[in-house]
Amino acid sequence: MIFTKYLFTAIAGLAGGINALVFSSSGGALVTEELKNFSDQLEGNSTENDGLIQKENGRLQTERTKSEANFKKLDDQNNATKSKAGERKKSGESLASADVQLRVKRVSQDYQLQTKKLSMEKTLADNNLKMKSSFDTNVQTAFQSVQQTVQAETQKLETALTTLTESNKKLISDLKQCLEKMPQSIFEPEKDWCPATQHLRSTAKQNN
């Protein structure tokens, strides 16, 4: 704008010189005065415009500074948001990885528990089978032992019964003979006609 001010001043000077040559001295003076006033007005307008321009430049500079500050703030916020987003993504990935590891660990524990359960059930079944087999064997052995004992005792009883029967038969036979000879014993009282009863008589005497 300073260049413009000098330009109008130069034009006014040239115009004044031409008018001084064309018109009279009084008329030329008036024209020169008008040109001077016009030049002063232009200079004043130019100064005012320069002030407005400087003020506008200052405002624009302030706005630019504010815009740059706002842009930097927004850029920082954007970077912070990106950083937080990255952290959230990393945190999400960490959580996902932890979840996968937890699931894998849970599946492994479930498998181990199931395997241990099956092993314990098999061991229990085998032990029950062994106990049943041992019980059956012991019962069978005990039964055989009792059976043998019963058979032995039965054999003893049968033998004793047979012996007793034979003894009773002999005793009955002897007593029969004694009864048959009893009439003769009346005539021979000192003679023992019944040897089968001799033992019984001796026992009776001893008890008396």
N, C-alpha and C. Protein backbone atom coordinates (compact mmCIF):
# COMPACT_ATOMS: atom_id res chain seq x y z
N MET A 1 0.83 -1.20 0.00
CA MET A 1 0.00 0.00 0.00
C MET A 1 0.86 1.25 0.00
N ILE A 2 2.05 1.20 0.54
CA ILE A 2 2.96 2.36 0.49
C ILE A 2 3.33 2.66 -0.94
N PHE A 3 3.55 1.63 -1.75
CA PHE A 3 3.83 1.83 -3.16
C PHE A 3 2.67 2.54 -3.85
N THR A 4 1.45 2.17 -3.52
CA THR A 4 0.25 2.82 -4.10
C THR A 4 0.19 4.29 -3.72
N LYS A 5 0.53 4.61 -2.50
CA LYS A 5 0.50 6.00 -2.04
C LYS A 5 1.47 6.84 -2.86
N TYR A 6 2.68 6.36 -3.06
CA TYR A 6 3.65 7.10 -3.86
C TYR A 6 3.22 7.21 -5.31
N LEU A 7 2.52 6.19 -5.81
CA LEU A 7 2.05 6.20 -7.18
C LEU A 7 1.05 7.34 -7.38
N PHE A 8 0.07 7.44 -6.47
CA PHE A 8 -0.91 8.53 -6.58
C PHE A 8 -0.25 9.89 -6.42
N THR A 9 0.75 9.97 -5.58
CA THR A 9 1.46 11.26 -5.38
C THR A 9 2.17 11.68 -6.67
N ALA A 10 2.79 10.68 -7.30
CA ALA A 10 3.49 10.98 -8.55
C ALA A 10 2.51 11.41 -9.62
N ILE A 11 1.35 10.72 -9.69
CA ILE A 11 0.33 11.10 -10.68
C ILE A 11 -0.16 12.51 -10.42
N ALA A 12 -0.37 12.80 -9.13
CA ALA A 12 -0.83 14.17 -8.79
C ALA A 12 0.19 15.21 -9.17
N GLY A 13 1.48 14.91 -8.99
CA GLY A 13 2.54 15.86 -9.34
C GLY A 13 2.58 16.11 -10.83
N LEU A 14 2.46 15.02 -11.59
CA LEU A 14 2.47 15.16 -13.04
C LEU A 14 1.25 15.94 -13.52
N ALA A 15 0.10 15.63 -12.93
CA ALA A 15 -1.12 16.34 -13.31
C ALA A 15 -1.01 17.82 -12.98
N GLY A 16 -0.40 18.09 -11.86
CA GLY A 16 -0.22 19.50 -11.49
C GLY A 16 0.68 20.25 -12.46
N GLY A 17 1.73 19.57 -12.92
CA GLY A 17 2.65 20.21 -13.87
C GLY A 17 1.98 20.48 -15.19
N ILE A 18 1.19 19.56 -15.68
CA ILE A 18 0.49 19.73 -16.95
C ILE A 18 -0.53 20.84 -16.85
N ASN A 19 -1.30 20.85 -15.75
CA ASN A 19 -2.31 21.91 -15.56
C ASN A 19 -1.66 23.28 -15.47
N ALA A 20 -0.49 23.31 -14.83
CA ALA A 20 0.18 24.63 -14.72
C ALA A 20 0.57 25.14 -16.09
N LEU A 21 0.86 24.23 -17.00
CA LEU A 21 1.22 24.68 -18.34
C LEU A 21 0.00 25.04 -19.16
N VAL A 22 -1.12 24.40 -19.00
CA VAL A 22 -2.31 24.61 -19.83
C VAL A 22 -3.11 25.80 -19.36
N PHE A 23 -3.39 25.85 -18.04
CA PHE A 23 -4.29 26.89 -17.52
C PHE A 23 -3.51 28.10 -17.05
N SER A 24 -4.28 29.07 -16.62
CA SER A 24 -3.69 30.33 -16.09
C SER A 24 -3.09 30.05 -14.73
N SER A 25 -2.45 31.12 -14.24
CA SER A 25 -1.76 30.96 -12.96
C SER A 25 -2.74 30.74 -11.83
N SER A 26 -3.87 31.49 -11.83
CA SER A 26 -4.86 31.33 -10.74
C SER A 26 -5.58 29.99 -10.87
N GLY A 27 -5.93 29.71 -12.15
CA GLY A 27 -6.61 28.42 -12.34
C GLY A 27 -5.68 27.26 -12.05
N GLY A 28 -4.46 27.39 -12.44
CA GLY A 28 -3.50 26.32 -12.17
C GLY A 28 -3.29 26.14 -10.68
N ALA A 29 -3.34 27.20 -9.93
CA ALA A 29 -3.16 27.09 -8.49
C ALA A 29 -4.31 26.33 -7.85
N LEU A 30 -5.53 26.60 -8.33
CA LEU A 30 -6.71 25.89 -7.78
C LEU A 30 -6.63 24.40 -8.08
N VAL A 31 -6.23 24.13 -9.35
CA VAL A 31 -6.11 22.72 -9.73
C VAL A 31 -5.04 22.02 -8.89
N THR A 32 -3.94 22.76 -8.71
CA THR A 32 -2.85 22.19 -7.89
C THR A 32 -3.30 21.94 -6.46
N GLU A 33 -4.10 22.88 -5.92
CA GLU A 33 -4.62 22.72 -4.56
C GLU A 33 -5.54 21.51 -4.46
N GLU A 34 -6.41 21.37 -5.47
CA GLU A 34 -7.33 20.24 -5.46
C GLU A 34 -6.57 18.92 -5.55
N LEU A 35 -5.57 18.97 -6.40
CA LEU A 35 -4.76 17.75 -6.52
C LEU A 35 -4.04 17.45 -5.22
N LYS A 36 -3.61 18.50 -4.52
CA LYS A 36 -2.91 18.30 -3.25
C LYS A 36 -3.86 17.71 -2.22
N ASN A 37 -5.11 18.26 -2.20
CA ASN A 37 -6.10 17.73 -1.25
C ASN A 37 -6.44 16.27 -1.58
N PHE A 38 -6.55 16.04 -2.90
CA PHE A 38 -6.87 14.67 -3.32
C PHE A 38 -5.73 13.72 -2.94
N SER A 39 -4.50 14.22 -3.12
CA SER A 39 -3.33 13.43 -2.78
C SER A 39 -3.28 13.16 -1.28
N ASP A 40 -3.60 14.22 -0.48
CA ASP A 40 -3.61 14.04 0.98
C ASP A 40 -4.68 13.02 1.40
N GLN A 41 -5.85 13.12 0.74
CA GLN A 41 -6.94 12.19 1.05
C GLN A 41 -6.55 10.77 0.71
N LEU A 42 -5.89 10.68 -0.46
CA LEU A 42 -5.42 9.34 -0.86
C LEU A 42 -4.39 8.80 0.13
N GLU A 43 -3.52 9.71 0.54
CA GLU A 43 -2.49 9.29 1.49
C GLU A 43 -3.12 8.86 2.81
N GLY A 44 -4.14 9.67 3.23
CA GLY A 44 -4.82 9.31 4.48
C GLY A 44 -5.56 7.97 4.36
N ASN A 45 -6.24 7.83 3.22
CA ASN A 45 -6.93 6.55 2.99
C ASN A 45 -5.95 5.39 2.94
N SER A 46 -4.78 5.67 2.31
CA SER A 46 -3.77 4.63 2.21
C SER A 46 -3.25 4.26 3.58
N THR A 47 -3.01 5.31 4.42
CA THR A 47 -2.53 5.04 5.79
C THR A 47 -3.56 4.24 6.58
N GLU A 48 -4.85 4.70 6.41
CA GLU A 48 -5.93 3.98 7.12
C GLU A 48 -6.03 2.54 6.63
N ASN A 49 -5.92 2.41 5.29
CA ASN A 49 -5.99 1.07 4.73
C ASN A 49 -4.82 0.22 5.20
N ASP A 50 -3.62 0.89 5.26
CA ASP A 50 -2.45 0.15 5.77
C ASP A 50 -2.70 -0.33 7.19
N GLY A 51 -3.31 0.55 8.00
CA GLY A 51 -3.61 0.16 9.38
C GLY A 51 -4.61 -0.99 9.44
N LEU A 52 -5.64 -0.87 8.57
CA LEU A 52 -6.63 -1.95 8.54
C LEU A 52 -6.01 -3.25 8.07
N ILE A 53 -5.12 -3.10 7.05
CA ILE A 53 -4.47 -4.30 6.52
C ILE A 53 -3.57 -4.93 7.58
N GLN A 54 -2.81 -4.07 8.30
CA GLN A 54 -1.95 -4.59 9.36
C GLN A 54 -2.77 -5.25 10.46
N LYS A 55 -3.91 -4.57 10.78
CA LYS A 55 -4.80 -5.15 11.78
C LYS A 55 -5.36 -6.48 11.31
N GLU A 56 -5.75 -6.50 10.03
CA GLU A 56 -6.28 -7.74 9.48
C GLU A 56 -5.21 -8.82 9.44
N ASN A 57 -3.98 -8.36 9.08
CA ASN A 57 -2.87 -9.32 9.09
C ASN A 57 -2.65 -9.87 10.49
N GLY A 58 -2.74 -8.99 11.48
CA GLY A 58 -2.59 -9.44 12.86
C GLY A 58 -3.68 -10.43 13.26
N ARG A 59 -4.93 -10.06 12.84
CA ARG A 59 -6.03 -10.98 13.16
C ARG A 59 -5.84 -12.33 12.48
N LEU A 60 -5.44 -12.25 11.17
CA LEU A 60 -5.21 -13.48 10.43
C LEU A 60 -4.06 -14.30 11.05
N GLN A 61 -3.03 -13.56 11.48
CA GLN A 61 -1.91 -14.23 12.12
C GLN A 61 -2.35 -14.92 13.42
N THR A 62 -3.21 -14.18 14.17
CA THR A 62 -3.75 -14.75 15.41
C THR A 62 -4.61 -15.98 15.13
N GLU A 63 -5.46 -15.82 14.10
CA GLU A 63 -6.30 -16.95 13.71
C GLU A 63 -5.46 -18.13 13.25
N ARG A 64 -4.39 -17.78 12.48
CA ARG A 64 -3.51 -18.83 12.00
C ARG A 64 -2.85 -19.55 13.17
N THR A 65 -2.41 -18.74 14.14
CA THR A 65 -1.76 -19.32 15.33
C THR A 65 -2.75 -20.22 16.08
N LYS A 66 -3.99 -19.68 16.24
CA LYS A 66 -5.02 -20.48 16.91
C LYS A 66 -5.33 -21.75 16.13
N SER A 67 -5.43 -21.59 14.78
CA SER A 67 -5.72 -22.75 13.94
C SER A 67 -4.62 -23.80 14.05
N GLU A 68 -3.36 -23.28 14.01
CA GLU A 68 -2.24 -24.21 14.15
C GLU A 68 -2.26 -24.90 15.50
N ALA A 69 -2.59 -24.10 16.55
CA ALA A 69 -2.67 -24.68 17.89
C ALA A 69 -3.79 -25.72 17.96
N ASN A 70 -4.95 -25.37 17.38
CA ASN A 70 -6.08 -26.31 17.36
C ASN A 70 -5.75 -27.56 16.55
N PHE A 71 -5.08 -27.33 15.40
CA PHE A 71 -4.69 -28.46 14.58
C PHE A 71 -3.72 -29.38 15.32
N LYS A 72 -2.74 -28.73 16.01
CA LYS A 72 -1.79 -29.52 16.80
C LYS A 72 -2.50 -30.28 17.91
N LYS A 73 -3.47 -29.59 18.54
CA LYS A 73 -4.24 -30.24 19.61
C LYS A 73 -5.02 -31.44 19.06
N LEU A 74 -5.69 -31.17 17.90
CA LEU A 74 -6.45 -32.26 17.27
C LEU A 74 -5.52 -33.39 16.84
N ASP A 75 -4.35 -33.01 16.30
CA ASP A 75 -3.40 -34.03 15.88
C ASP A 75 -2.90 -34.83 17.07
N ASP A 76 -2.63 -34.11 18.19
CA ASP A 76 -2.20 -34.81 19.41
C ASP A 76 -3.31 -35.74 19.90
N GLN A 77 -4.55 -35.22 19.88
CA GLN A 77 -5.68 -36.05 20.30
C GLN A 77 -5.84 -37.26 19.39
N ASN A 78 -5.66 -37.02 18.07
CA ASN A 78 -5.75 -38.12 17.12
C ASN A 78 -4.68 -39.18 17.39
N ASN A 79 -3.45 -38.66 17.62
CA ASN A 79 -2.36 -39.59 17.93
C ASN A 79 -2.63 -40.34 19.23
N ALA A 80 -3.16 -39.58 20.22
CA ALA A 80 -3.49 -40.22 21.49
C ALA A 80 -4.57 -41.26 21.30
N THR A 81 -5.57 -40.90 20.46
CA THR A 81 -6.65 -41.84 20.18
C THR A 81 -6.11 -43.09 19.49
N LYS A 82 -5.20 -42.85 18.51
CA LYS A 82 -4.59 -43.98 17.83
C LYS A 82 -3.79 -44.83 18.80
N SER A 83 -3.07 -44.13 19.71
CA SER A 83 -2.28 -44.86 20.70
C SER A 83 -3.18 -45.68 21.62
N LYS A 84 -4.28 -45.02 22.06
CA LYS A 84 -5.22 -45.74 22.93
C LYS A 84 -5.87 -46.90 22.17
N ALA A 85 -6.19 -46.62 20.88
CA ALA A 85 -6.77 -47.68 20.07
C ALA A 85 -5.80 -48.84 19.94
N GLY A 86 -4.50 -48.48 19.75
CA GLY A 86 -3.49 -49.54 19.68
C GLY A 86 -3.38 -50.29 20.99
N GLU A 87 -3.45 -49.51 22.10
CA GLU A 87 -3.38 -50.15 23.41
C GLU A 87 -4.60 -51.04 23.62
N ARG A 88 -5.79 -50.50 23.20
CA ARG A 88 -7.00 -51.31 23.34
C ARG A 88 -6.91 -52.57 22.49
N LYS A 89 -6.37 -52.40 21.27
CA LYS A 89 -6.21 -53.56 20.40
C LYS A 89 -5.25 -54.56 21.02
N LYS A 90 -4.11 -54.02 21.54
CA LYS A 90 -3.14 -54.90 22.17
C LYS A 90 -3.73 -55.56 23.40
N SER A 91 -4.50 -54.76 24.18
CA SER A 91 -5.16 -55.31 25.36
C SER A 91 -6.18 -56.38 24.96
N GLY A 92 -6.93 -56.07 23.87
CA GLY A 92 -7.89 -57.06 23.38
C GLY A 92 -7.20 -58.33 22.93
N GLU A 93 -6.07 -58.16 22.23
CA GLU A 93 -5.32 -59.33 21.79
C GLU A 93 -4.79 -60.12 22.99
N SER A 94 -4.33 -59.37 24.03
CA SER A 94 -3.84 -60.05 25.23
C SER A 94 -4.97 -60.82 25.91
N LEU A 95 -6.15 -60.17 25.99
CA LEU A 95 -7.30 -60.84 26.60
C LEU A 95 -7.71 -62.07 25.79
N ALA A 96 -7.69 -61.91 24.46
CA ALA A 96 -8.04 -63.04 23.60
C ALA A 96 -7.04 -64.18 23.79
N SER A 97 -5.75 -63.81 23.87
CA SER A 97 -4.72 -64.84 24.07
C SER A 97 -4.89 -65.51 25.43
N ALA A 98 -5.17 -64.68 26.47
CA ALA A 98 -5.39 -65.24 27.81
C ALA A 98 -6.61 -66.15 27.82
N ASP A 99 -7.66 -65.74 27.10
CA ASP A 99 -8.87 -66.56 27.04
C ASP A 99 -8.58 -67.90 26.36
N VAL A 100 -7.81 -67.83 25.27
CA VAL A 100 -7.46 -69.07 24.56
C VAL A 100 -6.63 -69.98 25.47
N GLN A 101 -5.66 -69.39 26.16
CA GLN A 101 -4.83 -70.19 27.06
C GLN A 101 -5.67 -70.80 28.18
N LEU A 102 -6.62 -70.00 28.71
CA LEU A 102 -7.50 -70.52 29.76
C LEU A 102 -8.34 -71.68 29.25
N ARG A 103 -8.88 -71.52 28.03
CA ARG A 103 -9.69 -72.59 27.45
C ARG A 103 -8.86 -73.85 27.24
N VAL A 104 -7.63 -73.66 26.72
CA VAL A 104 -6.74 -74.81 26.49
C VAL A 104 -6.41 -75.49 27.81
N LYS A 105 -6.13 -74.68 28.84
CA LYS A 105 -5.82 -75.23 30.17
C LYS A 105 -7.02 -75.98 30.73
N ARG A 106 -8.23 -75.41 30.54
CA ARG A 106 -9.44 -76.05 31.05
C ARG A 106 -9.68 -77.38 30.33
N VAL A 107 -9.48 -77.39 29.00
CA VAL A 107 -9.65 -78.63 28.24
C VAL A 107 -8.64 -79.68 28.70
N SER A 108 -7.38 -79.22 28.93
CA SER A 108 -6.35 -80.14 29.40
C SER A 108 -6.69 -80.70 30.77
N GLN A 109 -7.17 -79.84 31.67
CA GLN A 109 -7.56 -80.31 33.00
C GLN A 109 -8.73 -81.28 32.93
N ASP A 110 -9.72 -80.95 32.09
CA ASP A 110 -10.87 -81.84 31.93
C ASP A 110 -10.42 -83.20 31.39
N TYR A 111 -9.48 -83.19 30.42
CA TYR A 111 -8.97 -84.44 29.86
C TYR A 111 -8.24 -85.24 30.93
N GLN A 112 -7.40 -84.54 31.73
CA GLN A 112 -6.67 -85.23 32.78
C GLN A 112 -7.62 -85.82 33.82
N LEU A 113 -8.64 -85.03 34.20
CA LEU A 113 -9.62 -85.53 35.18
C LEU A 113 -10.39 -86.72 34.63
N GLN A 114 -10.79 -86.64 33.35
CA GLN A 114 -11.52 -87.74 32.72
C GLN A 114 -10.65 -88.99 32.65
N THR A 115 -9.37 -88.80 32.27
CA THR A 115 -8.44 -89.92 32.20
C THR A 115 -8.24 -90.55 33.58
N LYS A 116 -8.07 -89.68 34.59
CA LYS A 116 -7.89 -90.18 35.95
C LYS A 116 -9.14 -90.89 36.44
N LYS A 117 -10.31 -90.35 36.10
CA LYS A 117 -11.57 -90.97 36.49
C LYS A 117 -11.70 -92.36 35.86
N LEU A 118 -11.41 -92.45 34.55
CA LEU A 118 -11.48 -93.75 33.87
C LEU A 118 -10.49 -94.75 34.47
N SER A 119 -9.27 -94.24 34.80
CA SER A 119 -8.27 -95.11 35.39
C SER A 119 -8.72 -95.63 36.75
N MET A 120 -9.30 -94.71 37.56
CA MET A 120 -9.78 -95.10 38.89
C MET A 120 -10.94 -96.09 38.77
N GLU A 121 -11.84 -95.84 37.82
CA GLU A 121 -12.96 -96.76 37.62
C GLU A 121 -12.47 -98.14 37.19
N LYS A 122 -11.46 -98.17 36.30
CA LYS A 122 -10.90 -99.45 35.85
C LYS A 122 -10.23 -100.18 37.01
N THR A 123 -9.45 -99.40 37.81
CA THR A 123 -8.78 -100.00 38.97
C THR A 123 -9.80 -100.56 39.95
N LEU A 124 -10.87 -99.78 40.19
CA LEU A 124 -11.92 -100.23 41.11
C LEU A 124 -12.60 -101.50 40.58
N ALA A 125 -12.89 -101.50 39.27
CA ALA A 125 -13.53 -102.68 38.68
C ALA A 125 -12.61 -103.90 38.78
N ASP A 126 -11.30 -103.69 38.50
CA ASP A 126 -10.35 -104.81 38.61
C ASP A 126 -10.26 -105.31 40.05
N ASN A 127 -10.21 -104.38 41.00
CA ASN A 127 -10.14 -104.78 42.40
C ASN A 127 -11.41 -105.54 42.82
N ASN A 128 -12.56 -105.03 42.36
CA ASN A 128 -13.82 -105.72 42.68
C ASN A 128 -13.83 -107.13 42.09
N LEU A 129 -13.32 -107.23 40.84
CA LEU A 129 -13.27 -108.53 40.20
C LEU A 129 -12.33 -109.48 40.96
N LYS A 130 -11.16 -108.93 41.37
CA LYS A 130 -10.22 -109.74 42.13
C LYS A 130 -10.82 -110.16 43.47
N MET A 131 -11.49 -109.20 44.14
CA MET A 131 -12.10 -109.50 45.43
C MET A 131 -13.20 -110.55 45.27
N LYS A 132 -13.99 -110.41 44.22
CA LYS A 132 -15.07 -111.38 43.98
C LYS A 132 -14.49 -112.76 43.68
N SER A 133 -13.42 -112.74 42.83
CA SER A 133 -12.79 -114.02 42.51
C SER A 133 -12.18 -114.65 43.75
N SER A 134 -11.50 -113.79 44.56
CA SER A 134 -10.91 -114.31 45.80
C SER A 134 -11.99 -114.78 46.77
N PHE A 135 -13.08 -114.01 46.84
CA PHE A 135 -14.19 -114.39 47.72
C PHE A 135 -14.79 -115.72 47.28
N ASP A 136 -15.01 -115.83 45.95
CA ASP A 136 -15.56 -117.07 45.44
C ASP A 136 -14.64 -118.25 45.73
N THR A 137 -13.33 -117.99 45.55
CA THR A 137 -12.36 -119.06 45.81
C THR A 137 -12.36 -119.43 47.29
N ASN A 138 -12.37 -118.39 48.15
CA ASN A 138 -12.37 -118.67 49.59
C ASN A 138 -13.66 -119.39 50.02
N VAL A 139 -14.77 -118.93 49.45
CA VAL A 139 -16.04 -119.58 49.79
C VAL A 139 -16.03 -121.03 49.33
N GLN A 140 -15.53 -121.22 48.10
CA GLN A 140 -15.48 -122.59 47.57
C GLN A 140 -14.54 -123.45 48.42
N THR A 141 -13.39 -122.86 48.80
CA THR A 141 -12.44 -123.61 49.64
C THR A 141 -13.06 -123.93 51.00
N ALA A 142 -13.72 -122.90 51.58
CA ALA A 142 -14.36 -123.13 52.88
C ALA A 142 -15.46 -124.16 52.76
N PHE A 143 -16.22 -124.08 51.70
CA PHE A 143 -17.31 -125.05 51.50
C PHE A 143 -16.75 -126.46 51.36
N GLN A 144 -15.66 -126.56 50.58
CA GLN A 144 -15.04 -127.87 50.41
C GLN A 144 -14.50 -128.39 51.74
N SER A 145 -13.90 -127.47 52.53
CA SER A 145 -13.36 -127.87 53.82
C SER A 145 -14.48 -128.34 54.76
N VAL A 146 -15.57 -127.55 54.78
CA VAL A 146 -16.71 -127.94 55.62
C VAL A 146 -17.30 -129.25 55.13
N GLN A 147 -17.39 -129.37 53.81
CA GLN A 147 -17.95 -130.59 53.24
C GLN A 147 -17.09 -131.79 53.60
N GLN A 148 -15.76 -131.61 53.53
CA GLN A 148 -14.86 -132.70 53.88
C GLN A 148 -14.99 -133.05 55.37
N THR A 149 -15.10 -131.99 56.19
CA THR A 149 -15.27 -132.22 57.63
C THR A 149 -16.56 -132.97 57.92
N VAL A 150 -17.64 -132.49 57.27
CA VAL A 150 -18.94 -133.14 57.46
C VAL A 150 -18.88 -134.58 56.99
N GLN A 151 -18.23 -134.79 55.84
CA GLN A 151 -18.12 -136.16 55.33
C GLN A 151 -17.33 -137.03 56.29
N ALA A 152 -16.22 -136.42 56.83
CA ALA A 152 -15.40 -137.19 57.77
C ALA A 152 -16.19 -137.54 59.03
N GLU A 153 -16.90 -136.54 59.57
CA GLU A 153 -17.69 -136.78 60.77
C GLU A 153 -18.82 -137.76 60.49
N THR A 154 -19.41 -137.62 59.29
CA THR A 154 -20.46 -138.56 58.92
C THR A 154 -19.92 -139.98 58.81
N GLN A 155 -18.74 -140.10 58.25
CA GLN A 155 -18.09 -141.40 58.13
C GLN A 155 -17.81 -141.98 59.51
N LYS A 156 -17.35 -141.07 60.42
CA LYS A 156 -17.09 -141.52 61.78
C LYS A 156 -18.39 -142.01 62.44
N LEU A 157 -19.45 -141.20 62.23
CA LEU A 157 -20.73 -141.60 62.81
C LEU A 157 -21.23 -142.90 62.22
N GLU A 158 -21.10 -143.02 60.89
CA GLU A 158 -21.52 -144.26 60.26
C GLU A 158 -20.70 -145.45 60.75
N THR A 159 -19.38 -145.22 60.91
CA THR A 159 -18.52 -146.28 61.43
C THR A 159 -18.91 -146.64 62.85
N ALA A 160 -19.14 -145.59 63.67
CA ALA A 160 -19.54 -145.83 65.06
C ALA A 160 -20.87 -146.54 65.11
N LEU A 161 -21.78 -146.09 64.24
CA LEU A 161 -23.09 -146.71 64.21
C LEU A 161 -22.97 -148.17 63.78
N THR A 162 -22.14 -148.41 62.78
CA THR A 162 -21.92 -149.79 62.33
C THR A 162 -21.33 -150.63 63.45
N THR A 163 -20.31 -150.05 64.13
CA THR A 163 -19.68 -150.75 65.25
C THR A 163 -20.69 -151.00 66.35
N LEU A 164 -21.48 -149.95 66.68
CA LEU A 164 -22.50 -150.09 67.70
C LEU A 164 -23.54 -151.13 67.31
N THR A 165 -23.88 -151.09 66.06
CA THR A 165 -24.87 -152.06 65.58
C THR A 165 -24.34 -153.48 65.72
N GLU A 166 -23.08 -153.69 65.30
CA GLU A 166 -22.47 -155.01 65.41
C GLU A 166 -22.37 -155.43 66.87
N SER A 167 -22.00 -154.44 67.72
CA SER A 167 -21.88 -154.75 69.14
C SER A 167 -23.24 -155.11 69.75
N ASN A 168 -24.23 -154.32 69.34
CA ASN A 168 -25.57 -154.59 69.84
C ASN A 168 -26.08 -155.95 69.34
N LYS A 169 -25.76 -156.24 68.08
CA LYS A 169 -26.15 -157.54 67.55
C LYS A 169 -25.55 -158.67 68.38
N LYS A 170 -24.24 -158.53 68.69
CA LYS A 170 -23.56 -159.56 69.48
C LYS A 170 -24.15 -159.67 70.88
N LEU A 171 -24.43 -158.44 71.46
CA LEU A 171 -25.01 -158.44 72.80
C LEU A 171 -26.40 -159.08 72.80
N ILE A 172 -27.16 -158.76 71.79
CA ILE A 172 -28.50 -159.34 71.69
C ILE A 172 -28.42 -160.85 71.51
N SER A 173 -27.43 -161.28 70.70
CA SER A 173 -27.27 -162.72 70.47
C SER A 173 -26.86 -163.43 71.77
N ASP A 174 -25.93 -162.78 72.50
CA ASP A 174 -25.48 -163.37 73.78
C ASP A 174 -26.64 -163.43 74.77
N LEU A 175 -27.41 -162.33 74.81
CA LEU A 175 -28.53 -162.32 75.74
C LEU A 175 -29.57 -163.37 75.37
N LYS A 176 -29.73 -163.58 74.09
CA LYS A 176 -30.67 -164.62 73.63
C LYS A 176 -30.22 -165.98 74.12
N GLN A 177 -28.92 -166.23 73.99
CA GLN A 177 -28.40 -167.52 74.46
C GLN A 177 -28.57 -167.67 75.97
N CYS A 178 -28.35 -166.52 76.66
CA CYS A 178 -28.51 -166.55 78.11
C CYS A 178 -29.95 -166.87 78.49
N LEU A 179 -30.87 -166.31 77.78
CA LEU A 179 -32.27 -166.55 78.05
C LEU A 179 -32.62 -168.01 77.77
N GLU A 180 -32.00 -168.53 76.74
CA GLU A 180 -32.27 -169.92 76.41
C GLU A 180 -31.72 -170.86 77.50
N LYS A 181 -30.59 -170.47 78.09
CA LYS A 181 -29.96 -171.32 79.10
C LYS A 181 -30.46 -171.02 80.51
N MET A 182 -31.32 -169.98 80.66
CA MET A 182 -31.75 -169.56 81.98
C MET A 182 -32.46 -170.68 82.77
N PRO A 183 -33.29 -171.49 82.14
CA PRO A 183 -33.93 -172.57 82.93
C PRO A 183 -32.94 -173.52 83.57
N GLN A 184 -31.84 -173.80 82.92
CA GLN A 184 -30.84 -174.71 83.48
C GLN A 184 -30.10 -174.06 84.66
N SER A 185 -30.02 -172.71 84.66
CA SER A 185 -29.29 -172.03 85.72
C SER A 185 -29.97 -172.16 87.06
N ILE A 186 -31.25 -172.56 87.04
CA ILE A 186 -31.95 -172.73 88.30
C ILE A 186 -31.36 -173.90 89.06
N PHE A 187 -30.99 -174.91 88.34
CA PHE A 187 -30.45 -176.11 88.95
C PHE A 187 -28.95 -175.97 89.23
N GLU A 188 -28.29 -175.07 88.56
CA GLU A 188 -26.84 -174.86 88.80
C GLU A 188 -26.60 -173.38 89.08
N PRO A 189 -26.94 -172.88 90.26
CA PRO A 189 -26.86 -171.44 90.55
C PRO A 189 -25.43 -170.90 90.61
N GLU A 190 -24.49 -171.77 90.90
CA GLU A 190 -23.12 -171.27 91.00
C GLU A 190 -22.46 -171.07 89.64
N LYS A 191 -23.03 -171.62 88.65
CA LYS A 191 -22.42 -171.55 87.31
C LYS A 191 -22.95 -170.33 86.57
N ASP A 192 -22.02 -169.67 85.93
CA ASP A 192 -22.39 -168.44 85.17
C ASP A 192 -22.81 -168.86 83.78
N TRP A 193 -24.10 -168.85 83.61
CA TRP A 193 -24.62 -169.25 82.31
C TRP A 193 -24.75 -168.08 81.33
N CYS A 194 -24.43 -166.87 81.75
CA CYS A 194 -24.60 -165.68 80.85
C CYS A 194 -23.35 -164.80 80.93
N PRO A 195 -22.30 -165.19 80.19
CA PRO A 195 -21.09 -164.37 80.19
C PRO A 195 -21.35 -162.93 79.71
N ALA A 196 -22.36 -162.75 78.91
CA ALA A 196 -22.63 -161.41 78.35
C ALA A 196 -23.02 -160.42 79.43
N THR A 197 -23.59 -160.93 80.53
CA THR A 197 -24.03 -160.04 81.60
C THR A 197 -23.04 -159.97 82.74
N GLN A 198 -21.95 -160.75 82.62
CA GLN A 198 -20.96 -160.78 83.69
C GLN A 198 -20.37 -159.39 83.92
N HIS A 199 -20.06 -158.69 82.85
CA HIS A 199 -19.47 -157.34 82.96
C HIS A 199 -20.46 -156.39 83.63
N LEU A 200 -21.71 -156.48 83.30
CA LEU A 200 -22.72 -155.62 83.89
C LEU A 200 -22.85 -155.90 85.39
N ARG A 201 -22.79 -157.21 85.76
CA ARG A 201 -22.90 -157.56 87.17
C ARG A 201 -21.70 -157.08 87.95
N SER A 202 -20.52 -157.20 87.34
CA SER A 202 -19.30 -156.75 88.02
C SER A 202 -19.35 -155.24 88.25
N THR A 203 -19.84 -154.51 87.25
CA THR A 203 -19.94 -153.07 87.38
C THR A 203 -20.94 -152.67 88.45
N ALA A 204 -22.02 -153.43 88.53
CA ALA A 204 -23.04 -153.15 89.54
C ALA A 204 -22.50 -153.39 90.93
N LYS A 205 -21.73 -154.49 91.13
CA LYS A 205 -21.13 -154.78 92.43
C LYS A 205 -20.16 -153.68 92.84
N GLN A 206 -19.35 -153.24 91.88
CA GLN A 206 -18.38 -152.19 92.20
C GLN A 206 -19.10 -150.90 92.63
N ASN A 207 -20.19 -150.58 91.98
CA ASN A 207 -20.93 -149.36 92.34
C ASN A 207 -21.56 -149.48 93.71
N ASN A 208 -21.97 -150.72 94.12
CA ASN A 208 -22.55 -150.90 95.44
C ASN A 208 -21.45 -150.83 96.50
